[in-house]
PDB file of N, CA and C in Angstrom:
ATOM      1  N   MET A   1      13.876 -25.299   1.198  1.00  0.00           N
ATOM      2  CA  MET A   1      12.186 -24.524   0.536  1.00  0.00           C
ATOM      3  C   MET A   1      12.038 -26.143  -0.125  1.00  0.00           C
ATOM      4  N   ALA A   2      12.491 -27.013  -0.562  1.00  0.00           N
ATOM      5  CA  ALA A   2      11.716 -27.951  -1.179  1.00  0.00           C
ATOM      6  C   ALA A   2      11.127 -29.175  -0.405  1.00  0.00           C
ATOM      7  N   ASP A   3      11.088 -28.765   1.436  1.00  0.00           N
ATOM      8  CA  ASP A   3      10.567 -30.214   2.192  1.00  0.00           C
ATOM      9  C   ASP A   3       9.922 -28.809   2.746  1.00  0.00           C
ATOM     10  N   LEU A   4       9.774 -27.523   2.516  1.00  0.00           N
ATOM     11  CA  LEU A   4       8.303 -26.665   2.711  1.00  0.00           C
ATOM     12  C   LEU A   4       7.435 -26.857   1.642  1.00  0.00           C
ATOM     13  N   GLU A   5       7.969 -26.990   0.073  1.00  0.00           N
ATOM     14  CA  GLU A   5       6.932 -27.441  -1.087  1.00  0.00           C
ATOM     15  C   GLU A   5       6.205 -28.900  -0.501  1.00  0.00           C
ATOM     16  N   GLU A   6       6.746 -29.747  -0.106  1.00  0.00           N
ATOM     17  CA  GLU A   6       6.464 -30.772  -0.380  1.00  0.00           C
ATOM     18  C   GLU A   6       5.812 -30.855   0.893  1.00  0.00           C
ATOM     19  N   GLY A   7       5.496 -30.589   1.896  1.00  0.00           N
ATOM     20  CA  GLY A   7       4.786 -30.626   3.159  1.00  0.00           C
ATOM     21  C   GLY A   7       6.120 -31.477   4.404  1.00  0.00           C
ATOM     22  N   ASP A   8       7.345 -31.177   4.054  1.00  0.00           N
ATOM     23  CA  ASP A   8       8.212 -32.064   5.183  1.00  0.00           C
ATOM     24  C   ASP A   8       8.481 -30.595   6.229  1.00  0.00           C
ATOM     25  N   VAL A   9       8.177 -29.963   6.068  1.00  0.00           N
ATOM     26  CA  VAL A   9       8.133 -28.721   7.186  1.00  0.00           C
ATOM     27  C   VAL A   9       7.561 -27.668   7.049  1.00  0.00           C
ATOM     28  N   ASP A  10       6.572 -27.406   7.792  1.00  0.00           N
ATOM     29  CA  ASP A  10       5.850 -26.500   8.451  1.00  0.00           C
ATOM     30  C   ASP A  10       6.063 -25.126   8.219  1.00  0.00           C
ATOM     31  N   LEU A  11       7.014 -24.226   8.798  1.00  0.00           N
ATOM     32  CA  LEU A  11       7.338 -23.071   8.358  1.00  0.00           C
ATOM     33  C   LEU A  11       8.980 -23.120   8.576  1.00  0.00           C
ATOM     34  N   LEU A  12       9.406 -22.044   7.730  1.00  0.00           N
ATOM     35  CA  LEU A  12      10.260 -21.100   7.769  1.00  0.00           C
ATOM     36  C   LEU A  12      10.777 -20.236   8.399  1.00  0.00           C
ATOM     37  N   VAL A  13      11.848 -19.995   9.063  1.00  0.00           N
ATOM     38  CA  VAL A  13      12.187 -18.523   9.778  1.00  0.00           C
ATOM     39  C   VAL A  13      13.780 -17.890   9.914  1.00  0.00           C
ATOM     40  N   GLY A  14      14.181 -17.419   9.555  1.00  0.00           N
ATOM     41  CA  GLY A  14      15.660 -16.700   9.651  1.00  0.00           C
ATOM     42  C   GLY A  14      16.164 -16.242   8.299  1.00  0.00           C
ATOM     43  N   GLY A  15      16.620 -14.838   8.215  1.00  0.00           N
ATOM     44  CA  GLY A  15      17.213 -14.684   6.771  1.00  0.00           C
ATOM     45  C   GLY A  15      16.483 -14.912   5.620  1.00  0.00           C
ATOM     46  N   LEU A  16      15.131 -15.166   5.893  1.00  0.00           N
ATOM     47  CA  LEU A  16      14.132 -14.801   4.704  1.00  0.00           C
ATOM     48  C   LEU A  16      13.619 -13.350   4.346  1.00  0.00           C
ATOM     49  N   THR A  17      13.463 -13.192   3.205  1.00  0.00           N
ATOM     50  CA  THR A  17      13.540 -11.124   3.420  1.00  0.00           C
ATOM     51  C   THR A  17      11.977 -11.194   2.796  1.00  0.00           C
ATOM     52  N   ALA A  18      11.332 -10.413   2.465  1.00  0.00           N
ATOM     53  CA  ALA A  18      10.058 -10.105   1.917  1.00  0.00           C
ATOM     54  C   ALA A  18      10.137  -9.477   0.399  1.00  0.00           C
ATOM     55  N   SER A  19      11.651  -9.609  -0.228  1.00  0.00           N
ATOM     56  CA  SER A  19      12.074  -9.106  -1.901  1.00  0.00           C
ATOM     57  C   SER A  19      12.420 -11.007  -2.111  1.00  0.00           C
ATOM     58  N   SER A  20      12.282 -12.158  -0.967  1.00  0.00           N
ATOM     59  CA  SER A  20      12.627 -13.636  -1.897  1.00  0.00           C
ATOM     60  C   SER A  20      12.010 -13.612  -2.963  1.00  0.00           C
ATOM     61  N   PRO A  21      13.114 -14.429  -4.068  1.00  0.00           N
ATOM     62  CA  PRO A  21      12.624 -14.769  -5.314  1.00  0.00           C
ATOM     63  C   PRO A  21      11.615 -16.038  -5.309  1.00  0.00           C
ATOM     64  N   TRP A  22      11.512 -16.957  -3.624  1.00  0.00           N
ATOM     65  CA  TRP A  22      10.527 -17.704  -3.607  1.00  0.00           C
ATOM     66  C   TRP A  22       9.029 -17.615  -3.272  1.00  0.00           C
ATOM     67  N   ALA A  23       8.788 -16.156  -3.788  1.00  0.00           N
ATOM     68  CA  ALA A  23       7.372 -14.836  -3.115  1.00  0.00           C
ATOM     69  C   ALA A  23       6.122 -15.884  -3.973  1.00  0.00           C
ATOM     70  N   SER A  24       6.892 -16.640  -5.164  1.00  0.00           N
ATOM     71  CA  SER A  24       5.806 -16.841  -6.216  1.00  0.00           C
ATOM     72  C   SER A  24       5.488 -18.121  -5.515  1.00  0.00           C
ATOM     73  N   ARG A  25       6.229 -19.083  -5.070  1.00  0.00           N
ATOM     74  CA  ARG A  25       6.286 -20.377  -5.032  1.00  0.00           C
ATOM     75  C   ARG A  25       5.290 -21.245  -3.185  1.00  0.00           C
ATOM     76  N   VAL A  26       5.837 -20.215  -2.572  1.00  0.00           N
ATOM     77  CA  VAL A  26       5.400 -20.019  -0.893  1.00  0.00           C
ATOM     78  C   VAL A  26       5.034 -19.239  -0.443  1.00  0.00           C
ATOM     79  N   ALA A  27       4.441 -19.282   0.609  1.00  0.00           N
ATOM     80  CA  ALA A  27       3.118 -17.765   1.372  1.00  0.00           C
ATOM     81  C   ALA A  27       4.321 -17.366   2.149  1.00  0.00           C
ATOM     82  N   LEU A  28       4.715 -16.437   1.945  1.00  0.00           N
ATOM     83  CA  LEU A  28       5.183 -15.320   3.026  1.00  0.00           C
ATOM     84  C   LEU A  28       4.442 -14.505   4.341  1.00  0.00           C
ATOM     85  N   THR A  29       4.864 -14.395   4.962  1.00  0.00           N
ATOM     86  CA  THR A  29       4.016 -12.990   6.366  1.00  0.00           C
ATOM     87  C   THR A  29       4.146 -11.998   6.178  1.00  0.00           C
ATOM     88  N   ARG A  30       3.424 -11.320   6.699  1.00  0.00           N
ATOM     89  CA  ARG A  30       4.213  -9.906   6.938  1.00  0.00           C
ATOM     90  C   ARG A  30       5.166  -9.994   7.973  1.00  0.00           C
ATOM     91  N   PRO A  31       6.231  -8.651   7.741  1.00  0.00           N
ATOM     92  CA  PRO A  31       7.545  -8.778   8.066  1.00  0.00           C
ATOM     93  C   PRO A  31       7.593  -9.010   9.814  1.00  0.00           C
ATOM     94  N   TYR A  32       8.477  -9.443   9.905  1.00  0.00           N
ATOM     95  CA  TYR A  32       8.478  -9.931  11.746  1.00  0.00           C
ATOM     96  C   TYR A  32       9.357  -8.685  12.373  1.00  0.00           C
ATOM     97  N   VAL A  33      10.795  -8.346  11.533  1.00  0.00           N
ATOM     98  CA  VAL A  33      11.778  -7.580  11.726  1.00  0.00           C
ATOM     99  C   VAL A  33      12.187  -7.014  10.873  1.00  0.00           C
ATOM    100  N   THR A  34      12.672  -6.010  11.319  1.00  0.00           N
ATOM    101  CA  THR A  34      13.793  -4.797   9.724  1.00  0.00           C
ATOM    102  C   THR A  34      15.046  -5.042  10.313  1.00  0.00           C
ATOM    103  N   VAL A  35      16.286  -5.431   9.321  1.00  0.00           N
ATOM    104  CA  VAL A  35      17.086  -5.406   9.796  1.00  0.00           C
ATOM    105  C   VAL A  35      18.153  -4.450   9.166  1.00  0.00           C
ATOM    106  N   PRO A  36      19.117  -4.061   9.212  1.00  0.00           N
ATOM    107  CA  PRO A  36      20.041  -3.684   8.036  1.00  0.00           C
ATOM    108  C   PRO A  36      20.863  -4.702   6.882  1.00  0.00           C
ATOM    109  N   ASP A  37      21.087  -4.525   6.121  1.00  0.00           N
ATOM    110  CA  ASP A  37      21.420  -5.236   5.026  1.00  0.00           C
ATOM    111  C   ASP A  37      23.226  -5.085   5.023  1.00  0.00           C
ATOM    112  N   GLU A  38      24.329  -5.774   4.768  1.00  0.00           N
ATOM    113  CA  GLU A  38      25.228  -5.609   4.412  1.00  0.00           C
ATOM    114  C   GLU A  38      25.815  -4.062   3.700  1.00  0.00           C
ATOM    115  N   HIS A  39      25.296  -3.210   3.564  1.00  0.00           N
ATOM    116  CA  HIS A  39      24.943  -2.205   2.666  1.00  0.00           C
ATOM    117  C   HIS A  39      24.702  -1.345   3.682  1.00  0.00           C
ATOM    118  N   GLY A  40      23.966  -1.172   4.595  1.00  0.00           N
ATOM    119  CA  GLY A  40      22.888  -0.700   5.341  1.00  0.00           C
ATOM    120  C   GLY A  40      21.459  -0.741   5.201  1.00  0.00           C
ATOM    121  N   ASP A  41      21.066  -1.139   4.227  1.00  0.00           N
ATOM    122  CA  ASP A  41      19.807  -0.938   3.396  1.00  0.00           C
ATOM    123  C   ASP A  41      18.653  -1.625   4.694  1.00  0.00           C
ATOM    124  N   GLU A  42      17.889  -1.144   4.814  1.00  0.00           N
ATOM    125  CA  GLU A  42      16.906  -2.055   5.799  1.00  0.00           C
ATOM    126  C   GLU A  42      16.471  -3.267   4.931  1.00  0.00           C
ATOM    127  N   GLU A  43      16.247  -4.237   5.755  1.00  0.00           N
ATOM    128  CA  GLU A  43      15.523  -5.473   4.985  1.00  0.00           C
ATOM    129  C   GLU A  43      14.299  -5.960   5.823  1.00  0.00           C
ATOM    130  N   ASN A  44      13.184  -6.367   5.276  1.00  0.00           N
ATOM    131  CA  ASN A  44      12.257  -6.685   5.732  1.00  0.00           C
ATOM    132  C   ASN A  44      12.090  -8.366   5.907  1.00  0.00           C
ATOM    133  N   HIS A  45      12.276  -8.570   7.229  1.00  0.00           N
ATOM    134  CA  HIS A  45      12.565 -10.293   7.244  1.00  0.00           C
ATOM    135  C   HIS A  45      10.795 -11.093   7.588  1.00  0.00           C
ATOM    136  N   VAL A  46      10.746 -12.019   6.395  1.00  0.00           N
ATOM    137  CA  VAL A  46       9.470 -13.018   6.830  1.00  0.00           C
ATOM    138  C   VAL A  46       9.380 -13.728   7.421  1.00  0.00           C
ATOM    139  N   MET A  47       8.681 -14.407   7.491  1.00  0.00           N
ATOM    140  CA  MET A  47       8.422 -16.205   7.811  1.00  0.00           C
ATOM    141  C   MET A  47       7.711 -16.942   6.535  1.00  0.00           C
ATOM    142  N   ALA A  48       7.897 -17.864   6.174  1.00  0.00           N
ATOM    143  CA  ALA A  48       7.291 -18.495   4.858  1.00  0.00           C
ATOM    144  C   ALA A  48       6.739 -19.904   4.896  1.00  0.00           C
ATOM    145  N   THR A  49       5.623 -20.089   4.647  1.00  0.00           N
ATOM    146  CA  THR A  49       4.652 -21.143   5.019  1.00  0.00           C
ATOM    147  C   THR A  49       4.274 -21.809   3.283  1.00  0.00           C
ATOM    148  N   ARG A  50       3.921 -23.362   3.758  1.00  0.00           N
ATOM    149  CA  ARG A  50       3.758 -23.990   2.432  1.00  0.00           C
ATOM    150  C   ARG A  50       2.537 -22.887   2.006  1.00  0.00           C
ATOM    151  N   ALA A  51       2.187 -22.926   0.385  1.00  0.00           N
ATOM    152  CA  ALA A  51       1.009 -22.458  -0.452  1.00  0.00           C
ATOM    153  C   ALA A  51      -0.009 -23.120   0.132  1.00  0.00           C
ATOM    154  N   GLY A  52      -0.929 -22.321   0.350  1.00  0.00           N
ATOM    155  CA  GLY A  52      -2.353 -23.114   0.181  1.00  0.00           C
ATOM    156  C   GLY A  52      -2.667 -23.200   1.793  1.00  0.00           C
ATOM    157  N   GLU A  53      -1.316 -23.308   2.827  1.00  0.00           N
ATOM    158  CA  GLU A  53      -1.760 -23.385   4.356  1.00  0.00           C
ATOM    159  C   GLU A  53      -2.162 -21.978   5.081  1.00  0.00           C
ATOM    160  N   ASN A  54      -3.674 -21.745   4.181  1.00  0.00           N
ATOM    161  CA  ASN A  54      -4.202 -20.344   4.421  1.00  0.00           C
ATOM    162  C   ASN A  54      -4.450 -20.127   5.686  1.00  0.00           C
ATOM    163  N   ALA A  55      -5.013 -21.158   6.929  1.00  0.00           N
ATOM    164  CA  ALA A  55      -5.099 -21.065   8.303  1.00  0.00           C
ATOM    165  C   ALA A  55      -3.828 -21.005   8.961  1.00  0.00           C
ATOM    166  N   PHE A  56      -2.976 -21.862   8.635  1.00  0.00           N
ATOM    167  CA  PHE A  56      -1.846 -21.656   9.383  1.00  0.00           C
ATOM    168  C   PHE A  56      -1.269 -20.408   9.432  1.00  0.00           C
ATOM    169  N   LEU A  57      -1.402 -19.348   7.522  1.00  0.00           N
ATOM    170  CA  LEU A  57      -0.870 -18.178   7.741  1.00  0.00           C
ATOM    171  C   LEU A  57      -1.587 -17.198   8.251  1.00  0.00           C
ATOM    172  N   VAL A  58      -2.916 -17.130   8.343  1.00  0.00           N
ATOM    173  CA  VAL A  58      -3.834 -16.321   9.544  1.00  0.00           C
ATOM    174  C   VAL A  58      -3.157 -16.395  10.458  1.00  0.00           C
ATOM    175  N   GLU A  59      -2.929 -17.447  10.988  1.00  0.00           N
ATOM    176  CA  GLU A  59      -2.727 -17.582  12.636  1.00  0.00           C
ATOM    177  C   GLU A  59      -1.429 -17.229  13.072  1.00  0.00           C
ATOM    178  N   LEU A  60      -0.217 -17.405  12.020  1.00  0.00           N
ATOM    179  CA  LEU A  60       0.707 -16.305  12.094  1.00  0.00           C
ATOM    180  C   LEU A  60       1.000 -15.201  11.994  1.00  0.00           C
ATOM    181  N   GLU A  61      -0.039 -14.734  10.837  1.00  0.00           N
ATOM    182  CA  GLU A  61      -0.126 -13.490  10.877  1.00  0.00           C
ATOM    183  C   GLU A  61      -1.022 -12.712  12.392  1.00  0.00           C
ATOM    184  N   ARG A  62      -1.948 -13.650  13.063  1.00  0.00           N
ATOM    185  CA  ARG A  62      -2.370 -12.525  13.589  1.00  0.00           C
ATOM    186  C   ARG A  62      -1.406 -12.683  15.086  1.00  0.00           C
ATOM    187  N   PHE A  63      -0.588 -13.769  15.128  1.00  0.00           N
ATOM    188  CA  PHE A  63       0.678 -13.770  16.166  1.00  0.00           C
ATOM    189  C   PHE A  63       1.519 -12.339  15.861  1.00  0.00           C
ATOM    190  N   LEU A  64       1.832 -12.361  14.767  1.00  0.00           N
ATOM    191  CA  LEU A  64       2.368 -10.892  14.124  1.00  0.00           C
ATOM    192  C   LEU A  64       1.770  -9.918  14.580  1.00  0.00           C
ATOM    193  N   ILE A  65       0.827  -9.339  14.363  1.00  0.00           N
ATOM    194  CA  ILE A  65      -0.009  -8.010  14.789  1.00  0.00           C
ATOM    195  C   ILE A  65       0.304  -8.503  16.139  1.00  0.00           C
ATOM    196  N   ALA A  66      -0.119  -9.208  16.824  1.00  0.00           N
ATOM    197  CA  ALA A  66      -0.434  -9.135  18.363  1.00  0.00           C
ATOM    198  C   ALA A  66       0.551  -8.011  19.107  1.00  0.00           C
ATOM    199  N   GLN A  67       2.099  -9.169  18.781  1.00  0.00           N
ATOM    200  CA  GLN A  67       3.265  -8.746  19.071  1.00  0.00           C
ATOM    201  C   GLN A  67       3.387  -7.034  18.944  1.00  0.00           C
ATOM    202  N   ASP A  68       3.023  -6.704  17.567  1.00  0.00           N
ATOM    203  CA  ASP A  68       2.813  -5.295  16.987  1.00  0.00           C
ATOM    204  C   ASP A  68       2.503  -4.371  18.437  1.00  0.00           C
ATOM    205  N   VAL A  69       1.156  -5.122  18.495  1.00  0.00           N
ATOM    206  CA  VAL A  69       0.416  -4.194  19.328  1.00  0.00           C
ATOM    207  C   VAL A  69       1.239  -4.177  20.792  1.00  0.00           C
ATOM    208  N   GLN A  70       1.488  -5.326  21.224  1.00  0.00           N
ATOM    209  CA  GLN A  70       1.902  -5.696  22.639  1.00  0.00           C
ATOM    210  C   GLN A  70       2.978  -4.707  22.946  1.00  0.00           C
ATOM    211  N   GLN A  71       3.853  -4.667  21.710  1.00  0.00           N
ATOM    212  CA  GLN A  71       5.059  -4.058  21.661  1.00  0.00           C
ATOM    213  C   GLN A  71       4.946  -2.398  21.818  1.00  0.00           C
ATOM    214  N   ASP A  72       3.677  -1.824  21.036  1.00  0.00           N
ATOM    215  CA  ASP A  72       3.429  -0.376  20.239  1.00  0.00           C
ATOM    216  C   ASP A  72       2.504  -0.192  21.409  1.00  0.00           C
ATOM    217  N   PHE A  73       1.820  -0.974  22.560  1.00  0.00           N
ATOM    218  CA  PHE A  73       1.213  -0.314  23.499  1.00  0.00           C
ATOM    219  C   PHE A  73       1.809  -0.469  25.338  1.00  0.00           C
ATOM    220  N   GLY A  74       2.560  -1.718  24.942  1.00  0.00           N
ATOM    221  CA  GLY A  74       3.410  -2.176  26.000  1.00  0.00           C
ATOM    222  C   GLY A  74       4.546  -1.289  26.550  1.00  0.00           C
ATOM    223  N   GLY A  75       4.844  -0.693  25.845  1.00  0.00           N
ATOM    224  CA  GLY A  75       6.046   0.233  25.560  1.00  0.00           C
ATOM    225  C   GLY A  75       7.548  -0.290  25.673  1.00  0.00           C
ATOM    226  N   LEU A  76       7.459  -1.171  25.098  1.00  0.00           N
ATOM    227  CA  LEU A  76       8.735  -1.960  24.598  1.00  0.00           C
ATOM    228  C   LEU A  76       9.747  -1.369  23.477  1.00  0.00           C
ATOM    229  N   ARG A  77       8.895  -0.917  22.625  1.00  0.00           N
ATOM    230  CA  ARG A  77       9.917  -0.342  21.658  1.00  0.00           C
ATOM    231  C   ARG A  77      10.443   1.262  21.875  1.00  0.00           C
TER     232      ARG A  77
END
């Protein structure tokens, strides 16, 4: 996360949930997948970008929305 905050990394994907304590320090996307945790409870997984990277975050959100539309109407769900 330090590399993300300092701008050395643009995007973190994998294992980061919507309830992350990092949410106050980085920008999180909408969930891209929901998976069960070790207790069987569903967890929403998100991507993280550097705070203030609004244009990049908007593009990621548009991508995620497009994937949902494609899956909903493409019969892939």
